[in-house]
Amino acid sequence: MRVLFVAVFWFIFYLTQLVIAAVVIAQCLFTLLTSKPNDYLLKFGESLSKYVQEILRYVTFNTDVRPFPFSDFPKSDIVITAESGESQ
């Protein structure tokens, strides 16, 4: 059963690469147009990178915890302040 899940998550890993490419392109455009990165894309990018790490840890047998959707999607540690619109 584990091998089946590894195959599924390996496929999901490749799909996430497309999403990461879209985030990178969008973030570059935001930076070019506004001279600063988009805070919400920063948070999503961090969550997505944590998710990819969870997938890679699972498919390389470093953990038995199955990634999302079998567990919670990782949350970003970036805090966006309402007053300044800056991330910390």
Protein backbone atom coordinates (compact mmCIF):
# COMPACT_ATOMS: atom_id res chain seq x y z
CA MET A 1 0.00 0.00 0.00
CA ARG A 2 2.87 2.36 0.82
CA VAL A 3 4.30 2.00 -2.70
CA LEU A 4 0.95 3.07 -4.19
CA PHE A 5 0.88 6.19 -2.01
CA VAL A 6 4.50 6.96 -2.90
CA ALA A 7 3.58 6.81 -6.61
CA VAL A 8 0.57 9.11 -6.07
CA PHE A 9 2.57 11.64 -4.09
CA TRP A 10 5.39 11.54 -6.62
CA PHE A 11 2.82 12.56 -9.26
CA ILE A 12 1.48 15.30 -6.97
CA PHE A 13 5.06 16.51 -6.52
CA TYR A 14 5.34 17.06 -10.27
CA LEU A 15 2.02 18.93 -10.34
CA THR A 16 3.21 21.22 -7.55
CA GLN A 17 6.20 22.17 -9.69
CA LEU A 18 3.77 23.76 -12.16
CA VAL A 19 2.11 25.70 -9.35
CA ILE A 20 5.50 26.83 -8.05
CA ALA A 21 6.42 28.05 -11.55
CA ALA A 22 3.20 30.08 -11.67
CA VAL A 23 3.93 31.59 -8.23
CA VAL A 24 7.48 32.49 -9.29
CA ILE A 25 6.27 34.20 -12.48
CA ALA A 26 3.48 36.05 -10.66
CA GLN A 27 5.85 37.15 -7.90
CA CYS A 28 8.36 38.44 -10.46
CA LEU A 29 5.63 40.42 -12.21
CA PHE A 30 4.39 41.89 -8.91
CA THR A 31 7.94 42.87 -8.00
CA LEU A 32 8.55 44.49 -11.37
CA LEU A 33 5.26 46.43 -11.26
CA THR A 34 5.14 47.43 -7.59
CA SER A 35 8.80 47.20 -6.52
CA LYS A 36 7.88 44.73 -3.78
CA PRO A 37 6.68 41.12 -3.67
CA ASN A 38 3.03 40.26 -3.05
CA ASP A 39 2.52 39.33 0.62
CA TYR A 40 -0.15 36.72 -0.06
CA LEU A 41 2.02 34.98 -2.65
CA LEU A 42 4.86 35.01 -0.10
CA LYS A 43 2.63 33.18 2.39
CA PHE A 44 1.35 30.73 -0.22
CA GLY A 45 4.88 30.10 -1.51
CA GLU A 46 6.12 29.29 1.98
CA SER A 47 3.20 26.91 2.62
CA LEU A 48 3.75 25.26 -0.75
CA SER A 49 7.47 24.79 -0.09
CA LYS A 50 6.67 23.15 3.26
CA TYR A 51 4.19 20.87 1.46
CA VAL A 52 6.82 19.85 -1.09
CA GLN A 53 9.20 19.07 1.78
CA GLU A 54 6.54 16.86 3.39
CA ILE A 55 6.01 15.02 0.09
CA LEU A 56 9.73 14.45 -0.39
CA ARG A 57 10.16 13.23 3.17
CA TYR A 58 7.30 10.76 2.64
CA VAL A 59 8.39 9.40 -0.75
CA THR A 60 11.98 8.94 0.47
CA PHE A 61 10.67 6.96 3.48
CA ASN A 62 11.97 9.50 6.01
CA THR A 63 8.52 9.72 7.58
CA ASP A 64 5.36 7.64 7.66
CA VAL A 65 3.08 10.67 7.96
CA ARG A 66 1.18 11.10 4.71
CA PRO A 67 1.05 14.70 3.43
CA PHE A 68 -2.10 16.65 2.55
CA PRO A 69 -4.91 15.57 1.96
CA PHE A 70 -4.27 12.96 4.66
CA SER A 71 -2.98 15.62 7.05
CA ASP A 72 -3.39 19.39 7.30
CA PHE A 73 -1.91 21.60 4.61
CA PRO A 74 1.16 23.38 6.05
CA LYS A 75 0.66 26.91 7.30
CA SER A 76 2.96 29.81 6.62
CA ASP A 77 4.87 31.45 9.46
CA ILE A 78 4.83 34.82 7.68
CA VAL A 79 2.80 37.50 9.42
CA ILE A 80 1.25 40.31 7.38
CA THR A 81 0.56 43.50 9.31
CA ALA A 82 -2.58 45.38 8.28
CA GLU A 83 -1.16 48.87 8.86
CA SER A 84 1.91 48.64 6.71
CA GLY A 85 1.05 45.79 4.37
CA GLU A 86 4.55 44.43 5.00
CA SER A 87 5.41 40.87 5.85
CA GLN A 88 7.62 39.85 8.74
